[in-house]
Structures are given as structure tokens and as C-alpha cells.
ModelCIF file with pLDDT and N, C-alpha, C, O atoms, coordinates in Angstrom:
data_MODEL
#
_entry.id   MODEL 
#
_entity.id                         1 
_entity.type                       polymer 
_entity.pdbx_number_of_molecules   1 
#
_entity_poly.entity_id                      1 
_entity_poly.type                           'polypeptide(L)' 
_entity_poly.nstd_linkage                   no 
_entity_poly.nstd_monomer                   no 
_entity_poly.pdbx_seq_one_letter_code       
;(UNK)(UNK)(UNK)(UNK)(UNK)(UNK)(UNK)(UNK)(UNK)(UNK)(UNK)(UNK)(UNK)(UNK)(UNK)(UNK)
(UNK)(UNK)(UNK)(UNK)(UNK)(UNK)(UNK)(UNK)(UNK)(UNK)(UNK)(UNK)(UNK)(UNK)(UNK)(UNK)
(UNK)(UNK)(UNK)(UNK)(UNK)(UNK)(UNK)(UNK)(UNK)(UNK)(UNK)(UNK)(UNK)(UNK)(UNK)
;
_entity_poly.pdbx_seq_one_letter_code_can   XXXXXXXXXXXXXXXXXXXXXXXXXXXXXXXXXXXXXXXXXXXXXXX 
_entity_poly.pdbx_strand_id                 A 
#
loop_
_entity_poly_seq.entity_id 
_entity_poly_seq.num 
_entity_poly_seq.mon_id 
_entity_poly_seq.hetero 
1 1  UNK n 
1 2  UNK n 
1 3  UNK n 
1 4  UNK n 
1 5  UNK n 
1 6  UNK n 
1 7  UNK n 
1 8  UNK n 
1 9  UNK n 
1 10 UNK n 
1 11 UNK n 
1 12 UNK n 
1 13 UNK n 
1 14 UNK n 
1 15 UNK n 
1 16 UNK n 
1 17 UNK n 
1 18 UNK n 
1 19 UNK n 
1 20 UNK n 
1 21 UNK n 
1 22 UNK n 
1 23 UNK n 
1 24 UNK n 
1 25 UNK n 
1 26 UNK n 
1 27 UNK n 
1 28 UNK n 
1 29 UNK n 
1 30 UNK n 
1 31 UNK n 
1 32 UNK n 
1 33 UNK n 
1 34 UNK n 
1 35 UNK n 
1 36 UNK n 
1 37 UNK n 
1 38 UNK n 
1 39 UNK n 
1 40 UNK n 
1 41 UNK n 
1 42 UNK n 
1 43 UNK n 
1 44 UNK n 
1 45 UNK n 
1 46 UNK n 
1 47 UNK n 
#
_struct_asym.id          A 
_struct_asym.entity_id   1 
#
loop_
_ma_qa_metric.id 
_ma_qa_metric.mode 
_ma_qa_metric.name 
_ma_qa_metric.software_group_id 
_ma_qa_metric.type 
1 global pLDDT . pLDDT 
2 local  pLDDT . pLDDT 
#
_ma_qa_metric_global.metric_id      1 
_ma_qa_metric_global.metric_value   94.38 
_ma_qa_metric_global.model_id       1 
_ma_qa_metric_global.ordinal_id     1 
#
loop_
_ma_qa_metric_local.label_asym_id 
_ma_qa_metric_local.label_comp_id 
_ma_qa_metric_local.label_seq_id 
_ma_qa_metric_local.metric_id 
_ma_qa_metric_local.metric_value 
_ma_qa_metric_local.model_id 
_ma_qa_metric_local.ordinal_id 
A UNK 1  2 96.00 1 1  
A UNK 2  2 96.00 1 2  
A UNK 3  2 95.00 1 3  
A UNK 4  2 96.00 1 4  
A UNK 5  2 97.00 1 5  
A UNK 6  2 96.00 1 6  
A UNK 7  2 94.00 1 7  
A UNK 8  2 95.00 1 8  
A UNK 9  2 96.00 1 9  
A UNK 10 2 95.00 1 10 
A UNK 11 2 93.00 1 11 
A UNK 12 2 92.00 1 12 
A UNK 13 2 91.00 1 13 
A UNK 14 2 93.00 1 14 
A UNK 15 2 94.00 1 15 
A UNK 16 2 94.00 1 16 
A UNK 17 2 91.00 1 17 
A UNK 18 2 91.00 1 18 
A UNK 19 2 90.00 1 19 
A UNK 20 2 89.00 1 20 
A UNK 21 2 91.00 1 21 
A UNK 22 2 93.00 1 22 
A UNK 23 2 93.00 1 23 
A UNK 24 2 92.00 1 24 
A UNK 25 2 95.00 1 25 
A UNK 26 2 95.00 1 26 
A UNK 27 2 94.00 1 27 
A UNK 28 2 95.00 1 28 
A UNK 29 2 96.00 1 29 
A UNK 30 2 95.00 1 30 
A UNK 31 2 95.00 1 31 
A UNK 32 2 96.00 1 32 
A UNK 33 2 96.00 1 33 
A UNK 34 2 94.00 1 34 
A UNK 35 2 94.00 1 35 
A UNK 36 2 95.00 1 36 
A UNK 37 2 94.00 1 37 
A UNK 38 2 96.00 1 38 
A UNK 39 2 96.00 1 39 
A UNK 40 2 97.00 1 40 
A UNK 41 2 97.00 1 41 
A UNK 42 2 96.00 1 42 
A UNK 43 2 96.00 1 43 
A UNK 44 2 96.00 1 44 
A UNK 45 2 96.00 1 45 
A UNK 46 2 94.00 1 46 
A UNK 47 2 95.00 1 47 
#
loop_
_atom_site.group_PDB 
_atom_site.id 
_atom_site.type_symbol 
_atom_site.label_atom_id 
_atom_site.label_alt_id 
_atom_site.label_comp_id 
_atom_site.label_asym_id 
_atom_site.label_entity_id 
_atom_site.label_seq_id 
_atom_site.pdbx_PDB_ins_code 
_atom_site.Cartn_x 
_atom_site.Cartn_y 
_atom_site.Cartn_z 
_atom_site.occupancy 
_atom_site.B_iso_or_equiv 
_atom_site.pdbx_formal_charge 
_atom_site.auth_seq_id 
_atom_site.auth_comp_id 
_atom_site.auth_asym_id 
_atom_site.auth_atom_id 
_atom_site.pdbx_PDB_model_num 
ATOM 1   N N  . UNK A 1 1  ? 187.221 58.509 142.317 1.00 96.00 ? 1  UNK A N  1 
ATOM 2   C CA . UNK A 1 1  ? 186.258 58.776 143.381 1.00 96.00 ? 1  UNK A CA 1 
ATOM 3   C C  . UNK A 1 1  ? 185.002 59.451 142.846 1.00 96.00 ? 1  UNK A C  1 
ATOM 4   O O  . UNK A 1 1  ? 183.901 59.189 143.329 1.00 96.00 ? 1  UNK A O  1 
ATOM 5   N N  . UNK A 1 2  ? 185.164 60.319 141.849 1.00 96.00 ? 2  UNK A N  1 
ATOM 6   C CA . UNK A 1 2  ? 183.988 60.925 141.221 1.00 96.00 ? 2  UNK A CA 1 
ATOM 7   C C  . UNK A 1 2  ? 183.101 59.862 140.596 1.00 96.00 ? 2  UNK A C  1 
ATOM 8   O O  . UNK A 1 2  ? 181.875 59.916 140.700 1.00 96.00 ? 2  UNK A O  1 
ATOM 9   N N  . UNK A 1 3  ? 183.732 58.902 139.948 1.00 95.00 ? 3  UNK A N  1 
ATOM 10  C CA . UNK A 1 3  ? 182.961 57.804 139.355 1.00 95.00 ? 3  UNK A CA 1 
ATOM 11  C C  . UNK A 1 3  ? 182.185 57.041 140.433 1.00 95.00 ? 3  UNK A C  1 
ATOM 12  O O  . UNK A 1 3  ? 180.992 56.783 140.275 1.00 95.00 ? 3  UNK A O  1 
ATOM 13  N N  . UNK A 1 4  ? 182.851 56.687 141.511 1.00 96.00 ? 4  UNK A N  1 
ATOM 14  C CA . UNK A 1 4  ? 182.210 55.895 142.561 1.00 96.00 ? 4  UNK A CA 1 
ATOM 15  C C  . UNK A 1 4  ? 181.097 56.675 143.255 1.00 96.00 ? 4  UNK A C  1 
ATOM 16  O O  . UNK A 1 4  ? 180.050 56.107 143.569 1.00 96.00 ? 4  UNK A O  1 
ATOM 17  N N  . UNK A 1 5  ? 181.306 57.960 143.498 1.00 97.00 ? 5  UNK A N  1 
ATOM 18  C CA . UNK A 1 5  ? 180.255 58.770 144.124 1.00 97.00 ? 5  UNK A CA 1 
ATOM 19  C C  . UNK A 1 5  ? 179.072 58.970 143.172 1.00 97.00 ? 5  UNK A C  1 
ATOM 20  O O  . UNK A 1 5  ? 177.931 59.092 143.617 1.00 97.00 ? 5  UNK A O  1 
ATOM 21  N N  . UNK A 1 6  ? 179.343 59.002 141.869 1.00 96.00 ? 6  UNK A N  1 
ATOM 22  C CA . UNK A 1 6  ? 178.243 59.119 140.914 1.00 96.00 ? 6  UNK A CA 1 
ATOM 23  C C  . UNK A 1 6  ? 177.422 57.840 140.895 1.00 96.00 ? 6  UNK A C  1 
ATOM 24  O O  . UNK A 1 6  ? 176.196 57.892 140.787 1.00 96.00 ? 6  UNK A O  1 
ATOM 25  N N  . UNK A 1 7  ? 178.080 56.697 140.998 1.00 94.00 ? 7  UNK A N  1 
ATOM 26  C CA . UNK A 1 7  ? 177.346 55.430 141.103 1.00 94.00 ? 7  UNK A CA 1 
ATOM 27  C C  . UNK A 1 7  ? 176.488 55.412 142.368 1.00 94.00 ? 7  UNK A C  1 
ATOM 28  O O  . UNK A 1 7  ? 175.388 54.861 142.382 1.00 94.00 ? 7  UNK A O  1 
ATOM 29  N N  . UNK A 1 8  ? 177.008 56.021 143.420 1.00 95.00 ? 8  UNK A N  1 
ATOM 30  C CA . UNK A 1 8  ? 176.267 56.057 144.680 1.00 95.00 ? 8  UNK A CA 1 
ATOM 31  C C  . UNK A 1 8  ? 175.038 56.964 144.563 1.00 95.00 ? 8  UNK A C  1 
ATOM 32  O O  . UNK A 1 8  ? 173.968 56.628 145.071 1.00 95.00 ? 8  UNK A O  1 
ATOM 33  N N  . UNK A 1 9  ? 175.186 58.102 143.901 1.00 96.00 ? 9  UNK A N  1 
ATOM 34  C CA . UNK A 1 9  ? 174.066 59.038 143.766 1.00 96.00 ? 9  UNK A CA 1 
ATOM 35  C C  . UNK A 1 9  ? 173.038 58.541 142.750 1.00 96.00 ? 9  UNK A C  1 
ATOM 36  O O  . UNK A 1 9  ? 171.844 58.811 142.885 1.00 96.00 ? 9  UNK A O  1 
ATOM 37  N N  . UNK A 1 10 ? 173.499 57.823 141.746 1.00 95.00 ? 10 UNK A N  1 
ATOM 38  C CA . UNK A 1 10 ? 172.611 57.314 140.696 1.00 95.00 ? 10 UNK A CA 1 
ATOM 39  C C  . UNK A 1 10 ? 172.744 55.792 140.628 1.00 95.00 ? 10 UNK A C  1 
ATOM 40  O O  . UNK A 1 10 ? 173.406 55.265 139.734 1.00 95.00 ? 10 UNK A O  1 
ATOM 41  N N  . UNK A 1 11 ? 172.114 55.086 141.572 1.00 93.00 ? 11 UNK A N  1 
ATOM 42  C CA . UNK A 1 11 ? 172.331 53.639 141.687 1.00 93.00 ? 11 UNK A CA 1 
ATOM 43  C C  . UNK A 1 11 ? 171.490 52.770 140.749 1.00 93.00 ? 11 UNK A C  1 
ATOM 44  O O  . UNK A 1 11 ? 171.819 51.604 140.530 1.00 93.00 ? 11 UNK A O  1 
ATOM 45  N N  . UNK A 1 12 ? 170.408 53.328 140.192 1.00 92.00 ? 12 UNK A N  1 
ATOM 46  C CA . UNK A 1 12 ? 169.475 52.506 139.437 1.00 92.00 ? 12 UNK A CA 1 
ATOM 47  C C  . UNK A 1 12 ? 169.863 52.400 137.963 1.00 92.00 ? 12 UNK A C  1 
ATOM 48  O O  . UNK A 1 12 ? 170.436 53.341 137.414 1.00 92.00 ? 12 UNK A O  1 
ATOM 49  N N  . UNK A 1 13 ? 169.562 51.267 137.308 1.00 91.00 ? 13 UNK A N  1 
ATOM 50  C CA . UNK A 1 13 ? 169.908 51.081 135.888 1.00 91.00 ? 13 UNK A CA 1 
ATOM 51  C C  . UNK A 1 13 ? 169.323 52.155 134.983 1.00 91.00 ? 13 UNK A C  1 
ATOM 52  O O  . UNK A 1 13 ? 169.956 52.542 134.001 1.00 91.00 ? 13 UNK A O  1 
ATOM 53  N N  . UNK A 1 14 ? 168.112 52.650 135.297 1.00 93.00 ? 14 UNK A N  1 
ATOM 54  C CA . UNK A 1 14 ? 167.482 53.656 134.433 1.00 93.00 ? 14 UNK A CA 1 
ATOM 55  C C  . UNK A 1 14 ? 168.236 54.984 134.451 1.00 93.00 ? 14 UNK A C  1 
ATOM 56  O O  . UNK A 1 14 ? 168.033 55.822 133.573 1.00 93.00 ? 14 UNK A O  1 
ATOM 57  N N  . UNK A 1 15 ? 169.093 55.180 135.433 1.00 94.00 ? 15 UNK A N  1 
ATOM 58  C CA . UNK A 1 15 ? 169.909 56.388 135.468 1.00 94.00 ? 15 UNK A CA 1 
ATOM 59  C C  . UNK A 1 15 ? 171.003 56.372 134.402 1.00 94.00 ? 15 UNK A C  1 
ATOM 60  O O  . UNK A 1 15 ? 171.637 57.394 134.140 1.00 94.00 ? 15 UNK A O  1 
ATOM 61  N N  . UNK A 1 16 ? 171.221 55.206 133.788 1.00 94.00 ? 16 UNK A N  1 
ATOM 62  C CA . UNK A 1 16 ? 172.349 55.024 132.867 1.00 94.00 ? 16 UNK A CA 1 
ATOM 63  C C  . UNK A 1 16 ? 171.894 54.467 131.516 1.00 94.00 ? 16 UNK A C  1 
ATOM 64  O O  . UNK A 1 16 ? 172.680 53.828 130.816 1.00 94.00 ? 16 UNK A O  1 
ATOM 65  N N  . UNK A 1 17 ? 170.632 54.704 131.146 1.00 91.00 ? 17 UNK A N  1 
ATOM 66  C CA . UNK A 1 17 ? 170.114 54.066 129.935 1.00 91.00 ? 17 UNK A CA 1 
ATOM 67  C C  . UNK A 1 17 ? 170.317 54.887 128.669 1.00 91.00 ? 17 UNK A C  1 
ATOM 68  O O  . UNK A 1 17 ? 169.860 54.486 127.598 1.00 91.00 ? 17 UNK A O  1 
ATOM 69  N N  . UNK A 1 18 ? 170.996 56.035 128.769 1.00 91.00 ? 18 UNK A N  1 
ATOM 70  C CA . UNK A 1 18 ? 171.363 56.802 127.574 1.00 91.00 ? 18 UNK A CA 1 
ATOM 71  C C  . UNK A 1 18 ? 172.723 57.440 127.807 1.00 91.00 ? 18 UNK A C  1 
ATOM 72  O O  . UNK A 1 18 ? 173.120 57.683 128.946 1.00 91.00 ? 18 UNK A O  1 
ATOM 73  N N  . UNK A 1 19 ? 173.429 57.707 126.719 1.00 90.00 ? 19 UNK A N  1 
ATOM 74  C CA . UNK A 1 19 ? 174.769 58.279 126.844 1.00 90.00 ? 19 UNK A CA 1 
ATOM 75  C C  . UNK A 1 19 ? 174.720 59.703 127.407 1.00 90.00 ? 19 UNK A C  1 
ATOM 76  O O  . UNK A 1 19 ? 175.525 60.067 128.263 1.00 90.00 ? 19 UNK A O  1 
ATOM 77  N N  . UNK A 1 20 ? 173.764 60.504 126.916 1.00 89.00 ? 20 UNK A N  1 
ATOM 78  C CA . UNK A 1 20 ? 173.648 61.879 127.390 1.00 89.00 ? 20 UNK A CA 1 
ATOM 79  C C  . UNK A 1 20 ? 173.325 61.951 128.872 1.00 89.00 ? 20 UNK A C  1 
ATOM 80  O O  . UNK A 1 20 ? 173.924 62.730 129.614 1.00 89.00 ? 20 UNK A O  1 
ATOM 81  N N  . UNK A 1 21 ? 172.378 61.136 129.292 1.00 91.00 ? 21 UNK A N  1 
ATOM 82  C CA . UNK A 1 21 ? 172.001 61.120 130.711 1.00 91.00 ? 21 UNK A CA 1 
ATOM 83  C C  . UNK A 1 21 ? 173.176 60.661 131.579 1.00 91.00 ? 21 UNK A C  1 
ATOM 84  O O  . UNK A 1 21 ? 173.428 61.219 132.647 1.00 91.00 ? 21 UNK A O  1 
ATOM 85  N N  . UNK A 1 22 ? 173.878 59.655 131.112 1.00 93.00 ? 22 UNK A N  1 
ATOM 86  C CA . UNK A 1 22 ? 175.007 59.120 131.873 1.00 93.00 ? 22 UNK A CA 1 
ATOM 87  C C  . UNK A 1 22 ? 176.113 60.164 132.033 1.00 93.00 ? 22 UNK A C  1 
ATOM 88  O O  . UNK A 1 22 ? 176.679 60.321 133.115 1.00 93.00 ? 22 UNK A O  1 
ATOM 89  N N  . UNK A 1 23 ? 176.410 60.873 130.949 1.00 93.00 ? 23 UNK A N  1 
ATOM 90  C CA . UNK A 1 23 ? 177.450 61.905 131.006 1.00 93.00 ? 23 UNK A CA 1 
ATOM 91  C C  . UNK A 1 23 ? 177.038 63.033 131.957 1.00 93.00 ? 23 UNK A C  1 
ATOM 92  O O  . UNK A 1 23 ? 177.864 63.539 132.718 1.00 93.00 ? 23 UNK A O  1 
ATOM 93  N N  . UNK A 1 24 ? 175.769 63.422 131.913 1.00 92.00 ? 24 UNK A N  1 
ATOM 94  C CA . UNK A 1 24 ? 175.279 64.490 132.797 1.00 92.00 ? 24 UNK A CA 1 
ATOM 95  C C  . UNK A 1 24 ? 175.314 64.070 134.262 1.00 92.00 ? 24 UNK A C  1 
ATOM 96  O O  . UNK A 1 24 ? 175.452 64.917 135.144 1.00 92.00 ? 24 UNK A O  1 
ATOM 97  N N  . UNK A 1 25 ? 175.192 62.781 134.527 1.00 95.00 ? 25 UNK A N  1 
ATOM 98  C CA . UNK A 1 25 ? 175.313 62.306 135.908 1.00 95.00 ? 25 UNK A CA 1 
ATOM 99  C C  . UNK A 1 25 ? 176.677 62.672 136.490 1.00 95.00 ? 25 UNK A C  1 
ATOM 100 O O  . UNK A 1 25 ? 176.773 63.139 137.625 1.00 95.00 ? 25 UNK A O  1 
ATOM 101 N N  . UNK A 1 26 ? 177.736 62.454 135.696 1.00 95.00 ? 26 UNK A N  1 
ATOM 102 C CA . UNK A 1 26 ? 179.080 62.785 136.164 1.00 95.00 ? 26 UNK A CA 1 
ATOM 103 C C  . UNK A 1 26 ? 179.248 64.293 136.346 1.00 95.00 ? 26 UNK A C  1 
ATOM 104 O O  . UNK A 1 26 ? 179.866 64.743 137.311 1.00 95.00 ? 26 UNK A O  1 
ATOM 105 N N  . UNK A 1 27 ? 178.691 65.074 135.404 1.00 94.00 ? 27 UNK A N  1 
ATOM 106 C CA . UNK A 1 27 ? 178.772 66.530 135.528 1.00 94.00 ? 27 UNK A CA 1 
ATOM 107 C C  . UNK A 1 27 ? 178.046 67.014 136.771 1.00 94.00 ? 27 UNK A C  1 
ATOM 108 O O  . UNK A 1 27 ? 178.517 67.917 137.462 1.00 94.00 ? 27 UNK A O  1 
ATOM 109 N N  . UNK A 1 28 ? 176.896 66.412 137.053 1.00 95.00 ? 28 UNK A N  1 
ATOM 110 C CA . UNK A 1 28 ? 176.091 66.824 138.208 1.00 95.00 ? 28 UNK A CA 1 
ATOM 111 C C  . UNK A 1 28 ? 176.862 66.598 139.512 1.00 95.00 ? 28 UNK A C  1 
ATOM 112 O O  . UNK A 1 28 ? 176.880 67.466 140.385 1.00 95.00 ? 28 UNK A O  1 
ATOM 113 N N  . UNK A 1 29 ? 177.489 65.442 139.637 1.00 96.00 ? 29 UNK A N  1 
ATOM 114 C CA . UNK A 1 29 ? 178.225 65.135 140.867 1.00 96.00 ? 29 UNK A CA 1 
ATOM 115 C C  . UNK A 1 29 ? 179.447 66.042 141.001 1.00 96.00 ? 29 UNK A C  1 
ATOM 116 O O  . UNK A 1 29 ? 179.755 66.511 142.096 1.00 96.00 ? 29 UNK A O  1 
ATOM 117 N N  . UNK A 1 30 ? 180.140 66.290 139.897 1.00 95.00 ? 30 UNK A N  1 
ATOM 118 C CA . UNK A 1 30 ? 181.293 67.191 139.945 1.00 95.00 ? 30 UNK A CA 1 
ATOM 119 C C  . UNK A 1 30 ? 180.859 68.609 140.319 1.00 95.00 ? 30 UNK A C  1 
ATOM 120 O O  . UNK A 1 30 ? 181.528 69.273 141.111 1.00 95.00 ? 30 UNK A O  1 
ATOM 121 N N  . UNK A 1 31 ? 179.754 69.071 139.759 1.00 95.00 ? 31 UNK A N  1 
ATOM 122 C CA . UNK A 1 31 ? 179.248 70.409 140.081 1.00 95.00 ? 31 UNK A CA 1 
ATOM 123 C C  . UNK A 1 31 ? 178.872 70.510 141.556 1.00 95.00 ? 31 UNK A C  1 
ATOM 124 O O  . UNK A 1 31 ? 179.140 71.520 142.207 1.00 95.00 ? 31 UNK A O  1 
ATOM 125 N N  . UNK A 1 32 ? 178.250 69.454 142.078 1.00 96.00 ? 32 UNK A N  1 
ATOM 126 C CA . UNK A 1 32 ? 177.891 69.425 143.501 1.00 96.00 ? 32 UNK A CA 1 
ATOM 127 C C  . UNK A 1 32 ? 179.150 69.474 144.378 1.00 96.00 ? 32 UNK A C  1 
ATOM 128 O O  . UNK A 1 32 ? 179.169 70.163 145.398 1.00 96.00 ? 32 UNK A O  1 
ATOM 129 N N  . UNK A 1 33 ? 180.197 68.745 143.980 1.00 96.00 ? 33 UNK A N  1 
ATOM 130 C CA . UNK A 1 33 ? 181.452 68.765 144.732 1.00 96.00 ? 33 UNK A CA 1 
ATOM 131 C C  . UNK A 1 33 ? 182.069 70.168 144.739 1.00 96.00 ? 33 UNK A C  1 
ATOM 132 O O  . UNK A 1 33 ? 182.643 70.606 145.735 1.00 96.00 ? 33 UNK A O  1 
ATOM 133 N N  . UNK A 1 34 ? 181.936 70.856 143.605 1.00 94.00 ? 34 UNK A N  1 
ATOM 134 C CA . UNK A 1 34 ? 182.446 72.230 143.532 1.00 94.00 ? 34 UNK A CA 1 
ATOM 135 C C  . UNK A 1 34 ? 181.646 73.154 144.449 1.00 94.00 ? 34 UNK A C  1 
ATOM 136 O O  . UNK A 1 34 ? 182.219 74.014 145.120 1.00 94.00 ? 34 UNK A O  1 
ATOM 137 N N  . UNK A 1 35 ? 180.327 72.979 144.479 1.00 94.00 ? 35 UNK A N  1 
ATOM 138 C CA . UNK A 1 35 ? 179.485 73.786 145.369 1.00 94.00 ? 35 UNK A CA 1 
ATOM 139 C C  . UNK A 1 35 ? 179.877 73.582 146.830 1.00 94.00 ? 35 UNK A C  1 
ATOM 140 O O  . UNK A 1 35 ? 179.976 74.534 147.603 1.00 94.00 ? 35 UNK A O  1 
ATOM 141 N N  . UNK A 1 36 ? 180.096 72.327 147.183 1.00 95.00 ? 36 UNK A N  1 
ATOM 142 C CA . UNK A 1 36 ? 180.426 71.988 148.570 1.00 95.00 ? 36 UNK A CA 1 
ATOM 143 C C  . UNK A 1 36 ? 181.905 72.158 148.873 1.00 95.00 ? 36 UNK A C  1 
ATOM 144 O O  . UNK A 1 36 ? 182.318 72.129 150.033 1.00 95.00 ? 36 UNK A O  1 
ATOM 145 N N  . UNK A 1 37 ? 182.715 72.340 147.805 1.00 94.00 ? 37 UNK A N  1 
ATOM 146 C CA . UNK A 1 37 ? 184.175 72.402 147.939 1.00 94.00 ? 37 UNK A CA 1 
ATOM 147 C C  . UNK A 1 37 ? 184.685 71.164 148.671 1.00 94.00 ? 37 UNK A C  1 
ATOM 148 O O  . UNK A 1 37 ? 185.515 71.234 149.577 1.00 94.00 ? 37 UNK A O  1 
ATOM 149 N N  . UNK A 1 38 ? 184.143 70.025 148.229 1.00 96.00 ? 38 UNK A N  1 
ATOM 150 C CA . UNK A 1 38 ? 184.464 68.771 148.918 1.00 96.00 ? 38 UNK A CA 1 
ATOM 151 C C  . UNK A 1 38 ? 184.298 67.568 147.990 1.00 96.00 ? 38 UNK A C  1 
ATOM 152 O O  . UNK A 1 38 ? 183.271 67.415 147.328 1.00 96.00 ? 38 UNK A O  1 
ATOM 153 N N  . UNK A 1 39 ? 185.304 66.738 147.955 1.00 96.00 ? 39 UNK A N  1 
ATOM 154 C CA . UNK A 1 39 ? 185.221 65.426 147.313 1.00 96.00 ? 39 UNK A CA 1 
ATOM 155 C C  . UNK A 1 39 ? 185.695 64.407 148.337 1.00 96.00 ? 39 UNK A C  1 
ATOM 156 O O  . UNK A 1 39 ? 186.881 64.351 148.661 1.00 96.00 ? 39 UNK A O  1 
ATOM 157 N N  . UNK A 1 40 ? 184.773 63.604 148.845 1.00 97.00 ? 40 UNK A N  1 
ATOM 158 C CA . UNK A 1 40 ? 185.110 62.642 149.893 1.00 97.00 ? 40 UNK A CA 1 
ATOM 159 C C  . UNK A 1 40 ? 185.917 61.476 149.340 1.00 97.00 ? 40 UNK A C  1 
ATOM 160 O O  . UNK A 1 40 ? 185.635 60.952 148.262 1.00 97.00 ? 40 UNK A O  1 
ATOM 161 N N  . UNK A 1 41 ? 186.921 61.089 150.102 1.00 97.00 ? 41 UNK A N  1 
ATOM 162 C CA . UNK A 1 41 ? 187.658 59.851 149.821 1.00 97.00 ? 41 UNK A CA 1 
ATOM 163 C C  . UNK A 1 41 ? 186.639 58.712 149.884 1.00 97.00 ? 41 UNK A C  1 
ATOM 164 O O  . UNK A 1 41 ? 185.877 58.622 150.847 1.00 97.00 ? 41 UNK A O  1 
ATOM 165 N N  . UNK A 1 42 ? 186.616 57.855 148.887 1.00 96.00 ? 42 UNK A N  1 
ATOM 166 C CA . UNK A 1 42 ? 185.564 56.836 148.854 1.00 96.00 ? 42 UNK A CA 1 
ATOM 167 C C  . UNK A 1 42 ? 185.850 55.662 149.789 1.00 96.00 ? 42 UNK A C  1 
ATOM 168 O O  . UNK A 1 42 ? 184.934 54.925 150.152 1.00 96.00 ? 42 UNK A O  1 
ATOM 169 N N  . UNK A 1 43 ? 187.109 55.484 150.181 1.00 96.00 ? 43 UNK A N  1 
ATOM 170 C CA . UNK A 1 43 ? 187.466 54.334 151.003 1.00 96.00 ? 43 UNK A CA 1 
ATOM 171 C C  . UNK A 1 43 ? 187.858 54.703 152.426 1.00 96.00 ? 43 UNK A C  1 
ATOM 172 O O  . UNK A 1 43 ? 188.167 53.821 153.227 1.00 96.00 ? 43 UNK A O  1 
ATOM 173 N N  . UNK A 1 44 ? 187.850 55.993 152.754 1.00 96.00 ? 44 UNK A N  1 
ATOM 174 C CA . UNK A 1 44 ? 188.294 56.420 154.075 1.00 96.00 ? 44 UNK A CA 1 
ATOM 175 C C  . UNK A 1 44 ? 187.430 57.570 154.570 1.00 96.00 ? 44 UNK A C  1 
ATOM 176 O O  . UNK A 1 44 ? 187.231 58.547 153.849 1.00 96.00 ? 44 UNK A O  1 
ATOM 177 N N  . UNK A 1 45 ? 186.923 57.469 155.766 1.00 96.00 ? 45 UNK A N  1 
ATOM 178 C CA . UNK A 1 45 ? 186.025 58.481 156.323 1.00 96.00 ? 45 UNK A CA 1 
ATOM 179 C C  . UNK A 1 45 ? 186.760 59.777 156.633 1.00 96.00 ? 45 UNK A C  1 
ATOM 180 O O  . UNK A 1 45 ? 187.932 59.774 157.010 1.00 96.00 ? 45 UNK A O  1 
ATOM 181 N N  . UNK A 1 46 ? 186.036 60.893 156.463 1.00 94.00 ? 46 UNK A N  1 
ATOM 182 C CA . UNK A 1 46 ? 186.483 62.223 156.903 1.00 94.00 ? 46 UNK A CA 1 
ATOM 183 C C  . UNK A 1 46 ? 187.754 62.728 156.211 1.00 94.00 ? 46 UNK A C  1 
ATOM 184 O O  . UNK A 1 46 ? 188.560 63.429 156.824 1.00 94.00 ? 46 UNK A O  1 
ATOM 185 N N  . UNK A 1 47 ? 187.929 62.374 154.946 1.00 95.00 ? 47 UNK A N  1 
ATOM 186 C CA . UNK A 1 47 ? 189.040 62.890 154.162 1.00 95.00 ? 47 UNK A CA 1 
ATOM 187 C C  . UNK A 1 47 ? 188.479 63.616 152.945 1.00 95.00 ? 47 UNK A C  1 
ATOM 188 O O  . UNK A 1 47 ? 189.242 64.139 152.132 1.00 95.00 ? 47 UNK A O  1 
#
């Protein structure tokens, strides 16, 4: 689900054109989930 939400937050090809940038994308989404204390189920609403 972290992978899928990261694709959702960073949908454009230029978001993934380097290894460092790509890895930081995953860290950013995980950090945001920690801030919100929430990781949404990607296939089911309100979970």
C-alpha cells in the first residue's frame, strides 16, 4: 500500500528519473503516514 500511495502522490515520470529521488519518494510518503498516524487501505475506503 505504501508503494501504491507513493505512485499516487508522485504520478509523473520525472518523479522517478533518479534512484535517490525515487527512494526519497517512498520515505516521504511513509513519514507523512507517520505524521497522520494513518495508512489507507488502497482497495477499500475508510480503512
